[in-house]
Each structure stands twice: as structure tokens, then as C-alpha cells.
Amino acid sequence: MRVWRTLLSVAWLIWILDLASKIWAVNALSHRGAVKILGSFFQLNFARNSGAAFSFAPGSTLLLSFFGIAVLIGITYYAPSITSKGWAVVLGLVMGGILGNLTDRIFREPGLLRGHVIDWMQLPHWPIFNIADSAIVIAACISIILTARNIPPINKEELI
């Protein structure tokens, strides 16, 4: 049960941080140009994205919405079996990231499951992104490390 709590806590934290940052970005950045934070290395730059993370697959919002819902269902189904805290964090990051971007797709214009995702962080030679996108990428990196260290998501001995 502790692992399930970790997954949900991470997902909730990412979802709330992403939502709050997007509300801030709409209010503070939507009517101005790029704001340089670390020169041209890191800027705040408002964008509406109809695609996936990092502006991949523009115009595929409806398909991405249904894919996100399917992944959330999969995580919810398999999560009670997870015994590794590391994998719980990975799934929590993914769930929080999906919830963050799916919230935009559901509630933002142009309409239900077709809304554009708010992106607002920019690095040089990299598409504009948000906290939800970052969480999903961090989850991928952690999953590579866990896999390389041969840490399984489910330890059968702990289930007995």
C-alpha cells in the first residue's frame, strides 16, 4: 500500500505544479515575448501546443487525448501490483504528466479532448515544454536507470 501511496503522491504533486504553472503562464506570459532568465540558455516563452510533448505530432490532440486516457487506465490497473518504490515514482511522474496535459486537452480551447496544451519553458534548439512534459521525460530516464540496474517493478517475493 505504501508504494501505491508514493505513486499517487508523485502524480498529484506533478499535476498540481503543472496546473499552477500553466495558470501563471497564461496570466504572466501570454501577451508578451520571451523572458530571458539565463540569457538565451533558458527562457520563458508562452505557446499553445496541439501536439504531444515537445511539439511532437501537431494537430493530433484528439488521438493523444485518447492515448493518454488509455495509459492512465493501464497505470491504474497495474499500479496495485507494483512493489518497487522507484517504479512507483516512475508511474507517478507519468500519471502526473499525463493528467497535466490531459487537463489542458479537456478544458482549454478549441474544445473537449481537443484543447491545446500550454507550454512555457524554452531551451536553445529545443521545443517549448512544460512541467508535465518534463515529468514524463524524467520518468523515462529513471526507468532506463532502473532497468539497467535490473530492478523489476514487481518483486514476486514481496507479494507472498
N, C-alpha and C. Protein backbone atom coordinates (compact mmCIF):
# COMPACT_ATOMS: atom_id res chain seq x y z
N MET A 1 0.82 -1.20 0.00
CA MET A 1 0.00 0.00 0.00
C MET A 1 0.87 1.26 0.00
N ARG A 2 2.05 1.18 0.62
CA ARG A 2 2.94 2.34 0.69
C ARG A 2 3.41 2.74 -0.71
N VAL A 3 3.65 1.77 -1.57
CA VAL A 3 4.10 2.06 -2.94
C VAL A 3 2.99 2.76 -3.71
N TRP A 4 1.76 2.31 -3.55
CA TRP A 4 0.61 2.93 -4.20
C TRP A 4 0.47 4.38 -3.75
N ARG A 5 0.70 4.63 -2.46
CA ARG A 5 0.65 5.99 -1.92
C ARG A 5 1.74 6.87 -2.53
N THR A 6 2.92 6.30 -2.73
CA THR A 6 4.02 7.04 -3.37
C THR A 6 3.63 7.43 -4.79
N LEU A 7 3.10 6.48 -5.53
CA LEU A 7 2.68 6.74 -6.91
C LEU A 7 1.66 7.88 -6.95
N LEU A 8 0.64 7.79 -6.13
CA LEU A 8 -0.41 8.81 -6.14
C LEU A 8 0.09 10.17 -5.65
N SER A 9 0.99 10.17 -4.67
CA SER A 9 1.54 11.44 -4.17
C SER A 9 2.37 12.14 -5.24
N VAL A 10 3.21 11.38 -5.94
CA VAL A 10 4.02 11.96 -7.02
C VAL A 10 3.11 12.47 -8.13
N ALA A 11 2.11 11.68 -8.52
CA ALA A 11 1.19 12.09 -9.59
C ALA A 11 0.46 13.37 -9.20
N TRP A 12 -0.04 13.43 -7.99
CA TRP A 12 -0.78 14.61 -7.52
C TRP A 12 0.13 15.83 -7.51
N LEU A 13 1.36 15.69 -7.00
CA LEU A 13 2.31 16.80 -6.93
C LEU A 13 2.62 17.35 -8.33
N ILE A 14 2.90 16.48 -9.27
CA ILE A 14 3.21 16.91 -10.64
C ILE A 14 1.98 17.59 -11.25
N TRP A 15 0.81 17.00 -11.07
CA TRP A 15 -0.42 17.57 -11.65
C TRP A 15 -0.67 18.97 -11.11
N ILE A 16 -0.55 19.15 -9.80
CA ILE A 16 -0.79 20.46 -9.18
C ILE A 16 0.27 21.47 -9.62
N LEU A 17 1.54 21.09 -9.61
CA LEU A 17 2.60 22.01 -10.05
C LEU A 17 2.41 22.41 -11.50
N ASP A 18 2.05 21.44 -12.34
CA ASP A 18 1.84 21.73 -13.76
C ASP A 18 0.65 22.67 -13.95
N LEU A 19 -0.44 22.37 -13.29
CA LEU A 19 -1.64 23.21 -13.40
C LEU A 19 -1.37 24.63 -12.92
N ALA A 20 -0.74 24.76 -11.76
CA ALA A 20 -0.44 26.09 -11.22
C ALA A 20 0.51 26.86 -12.14
N SER A 21 1.51 26.18 -12.69
CA SER A 21 2.46 26.87 -13.57
C SER A 21 1.80 27.31 -14.87
N LYS A 22 0.85 26.53 -15.36
CA LYS A 22 0.16 26.91 -16.60
C LYS A 22 -0.79 28.08 -16.36
N ILE A 23 -1.45 28.09 -15.21
CA ILE A 23 -2.30 29.24 -14.87
C ILE A 23 -1.44 30.50 -14.81
N TRP A 24 -0.29 30.37 -14.15
CA TRP A 24 0.64 31.50 -14.08
C TRP A 24 1.11 31.91 -15.48
N ALA A 25 1.48 30.95 -16.31
CA ALA A 25 1.99 31.25 -17.65
C ALA A 25 0.95 31.96 -18.50
N VAL A 26 -0.30 31.53 -18.43
CA VAL A 26 -1.36 32.20 -19.19
C VAL A 26 -1.49 33.65 -18.73
N ASN A 27 -1.46 33.87 -17.43
CA ASN A 27 -1.62 35.23 -16.90
C ASN A 27 -0.39 36.11 -17.11
N ALA A 28 0.79 35.54 -16.98
CA ALA A 28 2.01 36.36 -16.99
C ALA A 28 2.72 36.40 -18.34
N LEU A 29 2.54 35.39 -19.17
CA LEU A 29 3.36 35.29 -20.38
C LEU A 29 2.59 35.35 -21.69
N SER A 30 1.29 35.16 -21.66
CA SER A 30 0.56 35.00 -22.93
C SER A 30 0.54 36.24 -23.80
N HIS A 31 0.79 37.41 -23.23
CA HIS A 31 0.74 38.64 -24.03
C HIS A 31 2.09 39.35 -24.11
N ARG A 32 3.15 38.60 -23.94
CA ARG A 32 4.47 39.20 -24.05
C ARG A 32 5.42 38.24 -24.74
N GLY A 33 6.52 38.72 -25.15
CA GLY A 33 7.52 37.89 -25.82
C GLY A 33 8.31 37.08 -24.81
N ALA A 34 9.36 36.47 -25.29
CA ALA A 34 10.20 35.64 -24.44
C ALA A 34 10.83 36.46 -23.32
N VAL A 35 10.89 35.84 -22.14
CA VAL A 35 11.52 36.45 -20.98
C VAL A 35 12.81 35.67 -20.72
N LYS A 36 13.95 36.34 -20.84
CA LYS A 36 15.24 35.67 -20.65
C LYS A 36 15.51 35.53 -19.15
N ILE A 37 15.73 34.30 -18.73
CA ILE A 37 16.04 34.01 -17.34
C ILE A 37 17.55 33.80 -17.18
N LEU A 38 18.12 32.96 -18.02
CA LEU A 38 19.56 32.72 -18.05
C LEU A 38 20.07 33.04 -19.45
N GLY A 39 20.00 34.30 -19.80
CA GLY A 39 20.39 34.72 -21.15
C GLY A 39 19.56 34.00 -22.19
N SER A 40 20.19 33.49 -23.22
CA SER A 40 19.44 32.74 -24.24
C SER A 40 19.40 31.25 -23.92
N PHE A 41 20.02 30.84 -22.79
CA PHE A 41 20.02 29.42 -22.44
C PHE A 41 18.66 28.96 -21.93
N PHE A 42 18.02 29.72 -21.05
CA PHE A 42 16.71 29.36 -20.52
C PHE A 42 15.80 30.57 -20.57
N GLN A 43 14.67 30.41 -21.27
CA GLN A 43 13.71 31.50 -21.43
C GLN A 43 12.32 31.01 -21.09
N LEU A 44 11.47 31.95 -20.72
CA LEU A 44 10.05 31.67 -20.56
C LEU A 44 9.36 32.21 -21.80
N ASN A 45 8.68 31.34 -22.51
CA ASN A 45 8.10 31.71 -23.80
C ASN A 45 6.78 30.97 -23.96
N PHE A 46 5.68 31.68 -23.95
CA PHE A 46 4.34 31.10 -23.98
C PHE A 46 4.01 30.50 -25.35
N ALA A 47 3.41 29.31 -25.35
CA ALA A 47 2.97 28.68 -26.59
C ALA A 47 1.78 27.76 -26.30
N ARG A 48 0.90 27.64 -27.28
CA ARG A 48 -0.20 26.67 -27.23
C ARG A 48 0.16 25.54 -28.18
N ASN A 49 0.13 24.32 -27.67
CA ASN A 49 0.61 23.15 -28.41
C ASN A 49 -0.54 22.19 -28.68
N SER A 50 -0.80 21.91 -29.94
CA SER A 50 -1.86 20.96 -30.30
C SER A 50 -1.32 19.55 -30.46
N GLY A 51 -0.04 19.35 -30.15
CA GLY A 51 0.57 18.03 -30.31
C GLY A 51 0.96 17.41 -28.98
N ALA A 52 1.94 16.52 -29.08
CA ALA A 52 2.43 15.81 -27.89
C ALA A 52 3.57 16.61 -27.25
N ALA A 53 4.23 15.98 -26.31
CA ALA A 53 5.34 16.64 -25.61
C ALA A 53 6.36 17.18 -26.60
N PHE A 54 6.87 18.34 -26.30
CA PHE A 54 7.90 18.99 -27.09
C PHE A 54 7.45 19.24 -28.53
N SER A 55 6.17 19.52 -28.72
CA SER A 55 5.59 19.88 -30.02
C SER A 55 5.63 18.75 -31.05
N PHE A 56 5.71 17.52 -30.59
CA PHE A 56 5.68 16.37 -31.50
C PHE A 56 4.23 16.09 -31.91
N ALA A 57 4.01 15.72 -33.15
CA ALA A 57 2.69 15.36 -33.70
C ALA A 57 1.66 16.47 -33.56
N PRO A 58 1.96 17.66 -34.10
CA PRO A 58 0.99 18.76 -34.00
C PRO A 58 -0.33 18.41 -34.69
N GLY A 59 -1.42 18.85 -34.10
CA GLY A 59 -2.74 18.61 -34.67
C GLY A 59 -3.33 17.26 -34.31
N SER A 60 -2.65 16.48 -33.48
CA SER A 60 -3.14 15.14 -33.11
C SER A 60 -3.75 15.11 -31.72
N THR A 61 -4.34 16.21 -31.31
CA THR A 61 -4.82 16.35 -29.94
C THR A 61 -5.85 15.29 -29.56
N LEU A 62 -6.82 15.02 -30.41
CA LEU A 62 -7.86 14.04 -30.08
C LEU A 62 -7.25 12.65 -29.90
N LEU A 63 -6.39 12.25 -30.80
CA LEU A 63 -5.73 10.95 -30.70
C LEU A 63 -4.88 10.88 -29.43
N LEU A 64 -4.14 11.95 -29.15
CA LEU A 64 -3.29 11.98 -27.95
C LEU A 64 -4.13 11.97 -26.67
N SER A 65 -5.30 12.57 -26.70
CA SER A 65 -6.20 12.54 -25.54
C SER A 65 -6.63 11.12 -25.23
N PHE A 66 -7.06 10.38 -26.25
CA PHE A 66 -7.49 9.00 -26.04
C PHE A 66 -6.33 8.10 -25.63
N PHE A 67 -5.14 8.35 -26.20
CA PHE A 67 -3.96 7.59 -25.81
C PHE A 67 -3.63 7.84 -24.34
N GLY A 68 -3.69 9.11 -23.91
CA GLY A 68 -3.43 9.45 -22.52
C GLY A 68 -4.41 8.77 -21.57
N ILE A 69 -5.68 8.77 -21.95
CA ILE A 69 -6.70 8.10 -21.12
C ILE A 69 -6.40 6.60 -21.03
N ALA A 70 -6.01 5.98 -22.14
CA ALA A 70 -5.67 4.56 -22.14
C ALA A 70 -4.48 4.26 -21.23
N VAL A 71 -3.46 5.11 -21.28
CA VAL A 71 -2.30 4.93 -20.41
C VAL A 71 -2.68 5.09 -18.94
N LEU A 72 -3.51 6.08 -18.64
CA LEU A 72 -3.97 6.25 -17.25
C LEU A 72 -4.72 5.02 -16.77
N ILE A 73 -5.56 4.45 -17.61
CA ILE A 73 -6.29 3.23 -17.24
C ILE A 73 -5.30 2.09 -16.99
N GLY A 74 -4.30 1.97 -17.87
CA GLY A 74 -3.28 0.93 -17.70
C GLY A 74 -2.50 1.09 -16.40
N ILE A 75 -2.08 2.31 -16.09
CA ILE A 75 -1.35 2.56 -14.85
C ILE A 75 -2.23 2.22 -13.65
N THR A 76 -3.47 2.65 -13.67
CA THR A 76 -4.39 2.39 -12.56
C THR A 76 -4.61 0.90 -12.37
N TYR A 77 -4.68 0.15 -13.48
CA TYR A 77 -4.90 -1.29 -13.41
C TYR A 77 -3.68 -2.02 -12.81
N TYR A 78 -2.48 -1.66 -13.29
CA TYR A 78 -1.28 -2.37 -12.87
C TYR A 78 -0.63 -1.82 -11.60
N ALA A 79 -0.92 -0.60 -11.22
CA ALA A 79 -0.26 0.03 -10.08
C ALA A 79 -0.36 -0.75 -8.76
N PRO A 80 -1.50 -1.36 -8.43
CA PRO A 80 -1.56 -2.10 -7.16
C PRO A 80 -0.57 -3.27 -7.09
N SER A 81 -0.08 -3.74 -8.23
CA SER A 81 0.88 -4.84 -8.25
C SER A 81 2.32 -4.38 -8.07
N ILE A 82 2.60 -3.10 -8.24
CA ILE A 82 3.96 -2.58 -8.17
C ILE A 82 4.48 -2.69 -6.75
N THR A 83 5.69 -3.24 -6.60
CA THR A 83 6.31 -3.35 -5.28
C THR A 83 7.56 -2.48 -5.15
N SER A 84 8.06 -1.96 -6.25
CA SER A 84 9.26 -1.13 -6.25
C SER A 84 8.91 0.35 -6.10
N LYS A 85 9.53 0.98 -5.11
CA LYS A 85 9.27 2.40 -4.90
C LYS A 85 9.78 3.23 -6.09
N GLY A 86 10.89 2.83 -6.67
CA GLY A 86 11.42 3.53 -7.84
C GLY A 86 10.45 3.49 -9.01
N TRP A 87 9.88 2.32 -9.26
CA TRP A 87 8.91 2.21 -10.35
C TRP A 87 7.62 2.94 -10.01
N ALA A 88 7.27 3.01 -8.74
CA ALA A 88 6.09 3.79 -8.32
C ALA A 88 6.32 5.27 -8.64
N VAL A 89 7.54 5.76 -8.41
CA VAL A 89 7.85 7.14 -8.75
C VAL A 89 7.75 7.35 -10.26
N VAL A 90 8.29 6.40 -11.03
CA VAL A 90 8.20 6.49 -12.50
C VAL A 90 6.74 6.59 -12.94
N LEU A 91 5.91 5.69 -12.45
CA LEU A 91 4.50 5.71 -12.84
C LEU A 91 3.78 6.95 -12.32
N GLY A 92 4.17 7.44 -11.16
CA GLY A 92 3.59 8.68 -10.63
C GLY A 92 3.95 9.87 -11.51
N LEU A 93 5.21 9.94 -11.95
CA LEU A 93 5.63 11.01 -12.86
C LEU A 93 4.85 10.95 -14.17
N VAL A 94 4.72 9.75 -14.72
CA VAL A 94 3.97 9.59 -15.97
C VAL A 94 2.50 9.97 -15.77
N MET A 95 1.91 9.46 -14.69
CA MET A 95 0.49 9.76 -14.44
C MET A 95 0.28 11.26 -14.24
N GLY A 96 1.13 11.90 -13.45
CA GLY A 96 1.02 13.34 -13.23
C GLY A 96 1.20 14.12 -14.52
N GLY A 97 2.16 13.72 -15.34
CA GLY A 97 2.38 14.39 -16.62
C GLY A 97 1.20 14.24 -17.56
N ILE A 98 0.67 13.04 -17.63
CA ILE A 98 -0.50 12.82 -18.49
C ILE A 98 -1.70 13.61 -17.97
N LEU A 99 -1.92 13.58 -16.66
CA LEU A 99 -3.05 14.34 -16.10
C LEU A 99 -2.89 15.84 -16.37
N GLY A 100 -1.67 16.35 -16.26
CA GLY A 100 -1.43 17.76 -16.52
C GLY A 100 -1.79 18.16 -17.94
N ASN A 101 -1.28 17.40 -18.91
CA ASN A 101 -1.58 17.74 -20.30
C ASN A 101 -3.00 17.38 -20.69
N LEU A 102 -3.54 16.31 -20.12
CA LEU A 102 -4.92 15.92 -20.42
C LEU A 102 -5.91 16.95 -19.87
N THR A 103 -5.59 17.55 -18.74
CA THR A 103 -6.44 18.62 -18.20
C THR A 103 -6.56 19.76 -19.22
N ASP A 104 -5.43 20.13 -19.83
CA ASP A 104 -5.47 21.15 -20.88
C ASP A 104 -6.30 20.68 -22.07
N ARG A 105 -6.10 19.45 -22.49
CA ARG A 105 -6.82 18.93 -23.66
C ARG A 105 -8.33 18.89 -23.41
N ILE A 106 -8.73 18.67 -22.18
CA ILE A 106 -10.16 18.60 -21.85
C ILE A 106 -10.77 19.99 -21.71
N PHE A 107 -10.10 20.91 -21.03
CA PHE A 107 -10.72 22.16 -20.63
C PHE A 107 -10.32 23.40 -21.44
N ARG A 108 -9.29 23.32 -22.25
CA ARG A 108 -8.87 24.51 -22.99
C ARG A 108 -9.44 24.49 -24.41
N GLU A 109 -9.40 25.67 -25.05
CA GLU A 109 -9.88 25.79 -26.43
C GLU A 109 -8.96 25.00 -27.37
N PRO A 110 -9.49 24.42 -28.43
CA PRO A 110 -10.78 24.70 -29.04
C PRO A 110 -11.94 23.84 -28.55
N GLY A 111 -11.70 22.87 -27.66
CA GLY A 111 -12.84 22.12 -27.15
C GLY A 111 -12.46 20.82 -26.49
N LEU A 112 -13.46 20.11 -26.00
CA LEU A 112 -13.32 18.87 -25.25
C LEU A 112 -12.42 17.87 -25.97
N LEU A 113 -11.36 17.43 -25.28
CA LEU A 113 -10.37 16.47 -25.78
C LEU A 113 -9.58 16.98 -26.99
N ARG A 114 -9.75 18.25 -27.35
CA ARG A 114 -9.02 18.84 -28.47
C ARG A 114 -8.29 20.12 -28.05
N GLY A 115 -8.33 20.42 -26.76
CA GLY A 115 -7.71 21.65 -26.27
C GLY A 115 -6.20 21.66 -26.44
N HIS A 116 -5.65 22.83 -26.61
CA HIS A 116 -4.21 22.98 -26.78
C HIS A 116 -3.52 23.03 -25.42
N VAL A 117 -2.40 22.35 -25.33
CA VAL A 117 -1.62 22.29 -24.10
C VAL A 117 -0.78 23.57 -23.99
N ILE A 118 -0.68 24.11 -22.79
CA ILE A 118 0.13 25.30 -22.54
C ILE A 118 1.58 24.88 -22.29
N ASP A 119 2.48 25.41 -23.10
CA ASP A 119 3.92 25.22 -22.92
C ASP A 119 4.53 26.57 -22.63
N TRP A 120 5.61 26.59 -21.84
CA TRP A 120 6.15 27.90 -21.45
C TRP A 120 7.63 27.94 -21.12
N MET A 121 8.33 26.82 -21.13
CA MET A 121 9.77 26.82 -20.85
C MET A 121 10.52 26.52 -22.14
N GLN A 122 11.65 27.19 -22.33
CA GLN A 122 12.38 27.00 -23.58
C GLN A 122 13.89 26.97 -23.35
N LEU A 123 14.52 25.99 -23.96
CA LEU A 123 15.97 25.87 -24.02
C LEU A 123 16.40 26.06 -25.47
N PRO A 124 17.67 26.39 -25.72
CA PRO A 124 18.10 26.59 -27.10
C PRO A 124 17.98 25.29 -27.92
N HIS A 125 17.54 25.44 -29.15
CA HIS A 125 17.43 24.31 -30.09
C HIS A 125 16.56 23.19 -29.54
N TRP A 126 15.52 23.55 -28.81
CA TRP A 126 14.63 22.58 -28.18
C TRP A 126 13.22 23.15 -28.20
N PRO A 127 12.21 22.34 -28.47
CA PRO A 127 10.83 22.87 -28.46
C PRO A 127 10.42 23.36 -27.07
N ILE A 128 9.48 24.27 -27.04
CA ILE A 128 8.96 24.79 -25.78
C ILE A 128 8.21 23.66 -25.06
N PHE A 129 8.35 23.60 -23.72
CA PHE A 129 7.77 22.50 -22.96
C PHE A 129 7.18 23.00 -21.65
N ASN A 130 6.65 22.08 -20.85
CA ASN A 130 6.03 22.42 -19.56
C ASN A 130 6.45 21.40 -18.50
N ILE A 131 5.94 21.53 -17.30
CA ILE A 131 6.29 20.64 -16.20
C ILE A 131 5.82 19.21 -16.48
N ALA A 132 4.64 19.06 -17.07
CA ALA A 132 4.13 17.72 -17.38
C ALA A 132 5.05 17.00 -18.36
N ASP A 133 5.49 17.70 -19.40
CA ASP A 133 6.42 17.11 -20.36
C ASP A 133 7.72 16.70 -19.67
N SER A 134 8.21 17.58 -18.80
CA SER A 134 9.46 17.31 -18.07
C SER A 134 9.31 16.07 -17.20
N ALA A 135 8.17 15.92 -16.53
CA ALA A 135 7.94 14.77 -15.65
C ALA A 135 7.98 13.47 -16.45
N ILE A 136 7.39 13.47 -17.63
CA ILE A 136 7.37 12.26 -18.46
C ILE A 136 8.78 11.91 -18.93
N VAL A 137 9.57 12.91 -19.30
CA VAL A 137 10.95 12.66 -19.73
C VAL A 137 11.80 12.17 -18.55
N ILE A 138 11.62 12.78 -17.38
CA ILE A 138 12.35 12.33 -16.19
C ILE A 138 11.97 10.89 -15.86
N ALA A 139 10.69 10.54 -16.00
CA ALA A 139 10.24 9.16 -15.77
C ALA A 139 10.94 8.20 -16.73
N ALA A 140 11.08 8.60 -17.98
CA ALA A 140 11.78 7.75 -18.95
C ALA A 140 13.24 7.53 -18.54
N CYS A 141 13.89 8.59 -18.09
CA CYS A 141 15.29 8.49 -17.66
C CYS A 141 15.43 7.58 -16.44
N ILE A 142 14.55 7.75 -15.47
CA ILE A 142 14.59 6.89 -14.27
C ILE A 142 14.31 5.44 -14.65
N SER A 143 13.37 5.21 -15.57
CA SER A 143 13.06 3.83 -15.97
C SER A 143 14.26 3.17 -16.65
N ILE A 144 15.04 3.93 -17.39
CA ILE A 144 16.26 3.39 -18.01
C ILE A 144 17.25 2.98 -16.93
N ILE A 145 17.41 3.84 -15.93
CA ILE A 145 18.33 3.53 -14.83
C ILE A 145 17.86 2.29 -14.06
N LEU A 146 16.57 2.23 -13.74
CA LEU A 146 16.04 1.07 -13.01
C LEU A 146 16.20 -0.22 -13.82
N THR A 147 15.98 -0.13 -15.12
CA THR A 147 16.14 -1.29 -15.99
C THR A 147 17.60 -1.71 -16.05
N ALA A 148 18.51 -0.74 -16.21
CA ALA A 148 19.95 -1.04 -16.27
C ALA A 148 20.43 -1.68 -14.97
N ARG A 149 19.82 -1.29 -13.85
CA ARG A 149 20.19 -1.86 -12.55
C ARG A 149 19.42 -3.15 -12.24
N ASN A 150 18.61 -3.58 -13.21
CA ASN A 150 17.84 -4.82 -13.10
C ASN A 150 16.89 -4.81 -11.90
N ILE A 151 16.23 -3.67 -11.70
CA ILE A 151 15.24 -3.54 -10.63
C ILE A 151 13.86 -3.74 -11.25
N PRO A 152 13.19 -4.84 -10.91
CA PRO A 152 11.88 -5.10 -11.51
C PRO A 152 10.78 -4.27 -10.84
N PRO A 153 9.72 -3.96 -11.58
CA PRO A 153 8.61 -3.23 -10.98
C PRO A 153 7.85 -4.05 -9.95
N ILE A 154 7.85 -5.37 -10.15
CA ILE A 154 7.12 -6.26 -9.24
C ILE A 154 8.10 -7.32 -8.72
N ASN A 155 8.27 -7.36 -7.41
CA ASN A 155 9.11 -8.38 -6.77
C ASN A 155 8.17 -9.45 -6.25
N LYS A 156 8.19 -10.59 -6.88
CA LYS A 156 7.24 -11.65 -6.55
C LYS A 156 7.37 -12.12 -5.10
N GLU A 157 8.58 -12.03 -4.52
CA GLU A 157 8.74 -12.44 -3.13
C GLU A 157 7.99 -11.52 -2.17
N GLU A 158 7.87 -10.24 -2.53
CA GLU A 158 7.15 -9.32 -1.66
C GLU A 158 5.64 -9.52 -1.74
N LEU A 159 5.17 -10.13 -2.81
CA LEU A 159 3.73 -10.37 -2.96
C LEU A 159 3.26 -11.55 -2.12
N ILE A 160 4.17 -12.43 -1.74
CA ILE A 160 3.81 -13.65 -0.98
C ILE A 160 3.57 -13.34 0.47
